[in-house]
Amino acid sequence: MNQIHAKVAEIQRLNNLTIVSFDFEGQPMQMMALEISEKLEIGTDVILGMKATNIILSKEYEGIISVSNQLNCIVEKVGNGELLTSVTLRIGKNLIESIITRKSSSNMNLQEGDKVKALINESELSILEIRS
């Protein structure tokens, strides 16, 4: 599970649905969830988690899509297996991992140093820890 440190920028609540906006390395992120802790406040530091298999990669994509979390990354390492590829991504000082199919990796011709976007659906983020 990938873990990143972010700061809560905005909280929107309606009944038991909450949409939380974060600042991560100067890049905006959002998550939606049911029943988030009332301890969560604007300015709170949090540790966010996301599965490597839930991080979609985009290279040279132009267009508008419904995924709010579009992080600008640099490919740090590409590890091809027989079926899957582990892609280590650098975002500022942080490293996260995306696992995609080897076919997708080949189609994208992913190489170290490539600029890509990591796309993460709002419902795929979770708050692992709230720091005071």
C-alpha atoms as a PDB file:
ATOM      1  CA  MET A   1       0.000   0.000   0.000  1.00  0.00           C
ATOM      2  CA  ASN A   2       1.339   3.391  -0.998  1.00  0.00           C
ATOM      3  CA  GLN A   3       1.436   6.019   1.742  1.00  0.00           C
ATOM      4  CA  ILE A   4       1.787   9.757   1.246  1.00  0.00           C
ATOM      5  CA  HIS A   5       1.754  12.726   3.598  1.00  0.00           C
ATOM      6  CA  ALA A   6      -0.784  15.447   2.734  1.00  0.00           C
ATOM      7  CA  LYS A   7      -2.563  18.379   4.352  1.00  0.00           C
ATOM      8  CA  VAL A   8      -6.340  18.826   4.457  1.00  0.00           C
ATOM      9  CA  ALA A   9      -7.291  21.863   2.352  1.00  0.00           C
ATOM     10  CA  GLU A  10     -11.104  21.672   2.322  1.00  0.00           C
ATOM     11  CA  ILE A  11     -13.907  19.523   3.745  1.00  0.00           C
ATOM     12  CA  GLN A  12     -17.416  19.269   2.334  1.00  0.00           C
ATOM     13  CA  ARG A  13     -19.994  17.258   4.272  1.00  0.00           C
ATOM     14  CA  LEU A  14     -23.555  16.340   3.386  1.00  0.00           C
ATOM     15  CA  ASN A  15     -25.300  13.808   5.607  1.00  0.00           C
ATOM     16  CA  ASN A  16     -22.779  10.948   5.840  1.00  0.00           C
ATOM     17  CA  LEU A  17     -20.934  11.746   2.568  1.00  0.00           C
ATOM     18  CA  THR A  18     -17.691  13.685   2.825  1.00  0.00           C
ATOM     19  CA  ILE A  19     -15.452  15.062   0.093  1.00  0.00           C
ATOM     20  CA  VAL A  20     -12.023  16.057   1.377  1.00  0.00           C
ATOM     21  CA  SER A  21      -9.504  18.077  -0.638  1.00  0.00           C
ATOM     22  CA  PHE A  22      -5.800  17.788   0.132  1.00  0.00           C
ATOM     23  CA  ASP A  23      -2.552  19.480  -0.798  1.00  0.00           C
ATOM     24  CA  PHE A  24       0.154  16.965  -1.683  1.00  0.00           C
ATOM     25  CA  GLU A  25       3.484  18.398  -2.794  1.00  0.00           C
ATOM     26  CA  GLY A  26       1.636  21.437  -4.174  1.00  0.00           C
ATOM     27  CA  GLN A  27      -0.716  19.236  -6.181  1.00  0.00           C
ATOM     28  CA  PRO A  28      -4.426  19.013  -5.332  1.00  0.00           C
ATOM     29  CA  MET A  29      -6.010  15.693  -4.414  1.00  0.00           C
ATOM     30  CA  GLN A  30      -9.544  14.709  -3.444  1.00  0.00           C
ATOM     31  CA  MET A  31     -11.212  11.775  -1.788  1.00  0.00           C
ATOM     32  CA  MET A  32     -14.816  10.905  -1.162  1.00  0.00           C
ATOM     33  CA  ALA A  33     -15.897   8.695   1.672  1.00  0.00           C
ATOM     34  CA  LEU A  34     -18.693   7.803   4.010  1.00  0.00           C
ATOM     35  CA  GLU A  35     -18.465   8.481   7.718  1.00  0.00           C
ATOM     36  CA  ILE A  36     -15.137  10.303   8.046  1.00  0.00           C
ATOM     37  CA  SER A  37     -13.890  11.183  11.531  1.00  0.00           C
ATOM     38  CA  GLU A  38     -15.155  14.464  12.949  1.00  0.00           C
ATOM     39  CA  LYS A  39     -11.562  15.063  14.166  1.00  0.00           C
ATOM     40  CA  LEU A  40     -10.600  15.909  10.585  1.00  0.00           C
ATOM     41  CA  GLU A  41     -10.163  19.687  10.154  1.00  0.00           C
ATOM     42  CA  ILE A  42      -8.713  22.022   7.557  1.00  0.00           C
ATOM     43  CA  GLY A  43      -4.939  22.183   8.023  1.00  0.00           C
ATOM     44  CA  THR A  44      -4.707  18.694   9.538  1.00  0.00           C
ATOM     45  CA  ASP A  45      -1.773  16.571   8.420  1.00  0.00           C
ATOM     46  CA  VAL A  46      -2.777  13.092   7.255  1.00  0.00           C
ATOM     47  CA  ILE A  47      -1.266   9.962   5.809  1.00  0.00           C
ATOM     48  CA  LEU A  48      -3.202   8.864   2.724  1.00  0.00           C
ATOM     49  CA  GLY A  49      -3.133   5.342   1.384  1.00  0.00           C
ATOM     50  CA  MET A  50      -3.806   3.881  -2.045  1.00  0.00           C
ATOM     51  CA  LYS A  51      -3.254   0.477  -3.607  1.00  0.00           C
ATOM     52  CA  ALA A  52      -0.616   0.254  -6.325  1.00  0.00           C
ATOM     53  CA  THR A  53      -3.107  -1.559  -8.551  1.00  0.00           C
ATOM     54  CA  ASN A  54      -5.506   1.409  -8.331  1.00  0.00           C
ATOM     55  CA  ILE A  55      -3.051   3.910  -9.821  1.00  0.00           C
ATOM     56  CA  ILE A  56      -3.601   4.377 -13.546  1.00  0.00           C
ATOM     57  CA  LEU A  57      -0.797   5.884 -15.613  1.00  0.00           C
ATOM     58  CA  SER A  58      -1.159   8.326 -18.456  1.00  0.00           C
ATOM     59  CA  LYS A  59       1.597   9.424 -20.808  1.00  0.00           C
ATOM     60  CA  GLU A  60       1.145  12.307 -23.246  1.00  0.00           C
ATOM     61  CA  TYR A  61      -2.615  12.328 -22.626  1.00  0.00           C
ATOM     62  CA  GLU A  62      -4.566  15.451 -23.556  1.00  0.00           C
ATOM     63  CA  GLY A  63      -8.209  15.762 -22.664  1.00  0.00           C
ATOM     64  CA  ILE A  64     -10.678  16.084 -19.855  1.00  0.00           C
ATOM     65  CA  ILE A  65     -11.558  13.121 -17.653  1.00  0.00           C
ATOM     66  CA  SER A  66     -13.594  12.720 -14.480  1.00  0.00           C
ATOM     67  CA  VAL A  67     -10.680  11.648 -12.261  1.00  0.00           C
ATOM     68  CA  SER A  68      -9.774  14.545  -9.961  1.00  0.00           C
ATOM     69  CA  ASN A  69      -6.463  13.110  -8.784  1.00  0.00           C
ATOM     70  CA  GLN A  70      -4.018  13.673 -11.620  1.00  0.00           C
ATOM     71  CA  LEU A  71      -0.524  13.791 -10.152  1.00  0.00           C
ATOM     72  CA  ASN A  72       2.443  14.879 -12.236  1.00  0.00           C
ATOM     73  CA  CYS A  73       5.185  12.285 -11.773  1.00  0.00           C
ATOM     74  CA  ILE A  74       8.545  11.194 -13.101  1.00  0.00           C
ATOM     75  CA  VAL A  75       9.153   7.499 -13.753  1.00  0.00           C
ATOM     76  CA  GLU A  76      11.938   6.463 -11.403  1.00  0.00           C
ATOM     77  CA  LYS A  77      12.059   2.738 -12.193  1.00  0.00           C
ATOM     78  CA  VAL A  78      10.288   0.213 -14.434  1.00  0.00           C
ATOM     79  CA  GLY A  79      10.328  -3.425 -13.330  1.00  0.00           C
ATOM     80  CA  ASN A  80       8.851  -5.767 -15.913  1.00  0.00           C
ATOM     81  CA  GLY A  81       7.665  -9.207 -14.855  1.00  0.00           C
ATOM     82  CA  GLU A  82       6.065 -11.863 -17.026  1.00  0.00           C
ATOM     83  CA  LEU A  83       2.546 -10.419 -16.691  1.00  0.00           C
ATOM     84  CA  LEU A  84       2.801  -7.258 -14.620  1.00  0.00           C
ATOM     85  CA  THR A  85       5.021  -4.207 -14.430  1.00  0.00           C
ATOM     86  CA  SER A  86       5.891  -2.322 -11.258  1.00  0.00           C
ATOM     87  CA  VAL A  87       6.431   1.373 -11.988  1.00  0.00           C
ATOM     88  CA  THR A  88       8.063   3.496  -9.289  1.00  0.00           C
ATOM     89  CA  LEU A  89       7.011   7.134  -9.573  1.00  0.00           C
ATOM     90  CA  ARG A  90       8.615  10.221  -8.056  1.00  0.00           C
ATOM     91  CA  ILE A  91       6.435  13.103  -6.909  1.00  0.00           C
ATOM     92  CA  GLY A  92       8.706  15.671  -5.301  1.00  0.00           C
ATOM     93  CA  LYS A  93      10.504  13.774  -2.528  1.00  0.00           C
ATOM     94  CA  ASN A  94       7.931  10.985  -2.488  1.00  0.00           C
ATOM     95  CA  LEU A  95       7.952   7.644  -4.241  1.00  0.00           C
ATOM     96  CA  ILE A  96       4.804   5.675  -5.021  1.00  0.00           C
ATOM     97  CA  GLU A  97       4.286   2.460  -6.947  1.00  0.00           C
ATOM     98  CA  SER A  98       1.823   1.680  -9.715  1.00  0.00           C
ATOM     99  CA  ILE A  99       1.276  -1.870 -10.900  1.00  0.00           C
ATOM    100  CA  ILE A 100       0.045  -2.199 -14.477  1.00  0.00           C
ATOM    101  CA  THR A 101       0.051  -4.990 -17.031  1.00  0.00           C
ATOM    102  CA  ARG A 102       3.250  -5.630 -18.912  1.00  0.00           C
ATOM    103  CA  LYS A 103       1.323  -5.104 -22.154  1.00  0.00           C
ATOM    104  CA  SER A 104       0.279  -1.609 -21.023  1.00  0.00           C
ATOM    105  CA  SER A 105       3.852  -0.818 -20.031  1.00  0.00           C
ATOM    106  CA  SER A 106       5.101  -1.945 -23.447  1.00  0.00           C
ATOM    107  CA  ASN A 107       2.377   0.008 -25.269  1.00  0.00           C
ATOM    108  CA  MET A 108       3.356   3.144 -23.350  1.00  0.00           C
ATOM    109  CA  ASN A 109       7.075   2.448 -23.869  1.00  0.00           C
ATOM    110  CA  LEU A 110       7.665   3.472 -20.245  1.00  0.00           C
ATOM    111  CA  GLN A 111      11.241   4.375 -19.410  1.00  0.00           C
ATOM    112  CA  GLU A 112      13.066   5.969 -16.504  1.00  0.00           C
ATOM    113  CA  GLY A 113      12.781   9.753 -16.643  1.00  0.00           C
ATOM    114  CA  ASP A 114       9.439   9.786 -18.503  1.00  0.00           C
ATOM    115  CA  LYS A 115       6.877  12.346 -17.371  1.00  0.00           C
ATOM    116  CA  VAL A 116       3.527  10.716 -16.629  1.00  0.00           C
ATOM    117  CA  LYS A 117       0.343  11.422 -14.735  1.00  0.00           C
ATOM    118  CA  ALA A 118      -0.787   9.123 -11.957  1.00  0.00           C
ATOM    119  CA  LEU A 119      -4.577   8.964 -12.016  1.00  0.00           C
ATOM    120  CA  ILE A 120      -6.328   7.927  -8.815  1.00  0.00           C
ATOM    121  CA  ASN A 121     -10.086   7.814  -8.435  1.00  0.00           C
ATOM    122  CA  GLU A 122     -11.458   9.771  -5.468  1.00  0.00           C
ATOM    123  CA  SER A 123     -12.971   6.622  -3.979  1.00  0.00           C
ATOM    124  CA  GLU A 124      -9.609   4.781  -4.060  1.00  0.00           C
ATOM    125  CA  LEU A 125      -7.924   7.039  -1.469  1.00  0.00           C
ATOM    126  CA  SER A 126      -8.158   6.357   2.234  1.00  0.00           C
ATOM    127  CA  ILE A 127      -6.983   8.195   5.312  1.00  0.00           C
ATOM    128  CA  LEU A 128      -4.643   5.852   7.172  1.00  0.00           C
ATOM    129  CA  GLU A 129      -3.655   8.271   9.921  1.00  0.00           C
ATOM    130  CA  ILE A 130      -4.699  11.676  11.199  1.00  0.00           C
ATOM    131  CA  ARG A 131      -1.771  13.572  12.686  1.00  0.00           C
ATOM    132  CA  SER A 132      -2.350  16.297  15.235  1.00  0.00           C
END
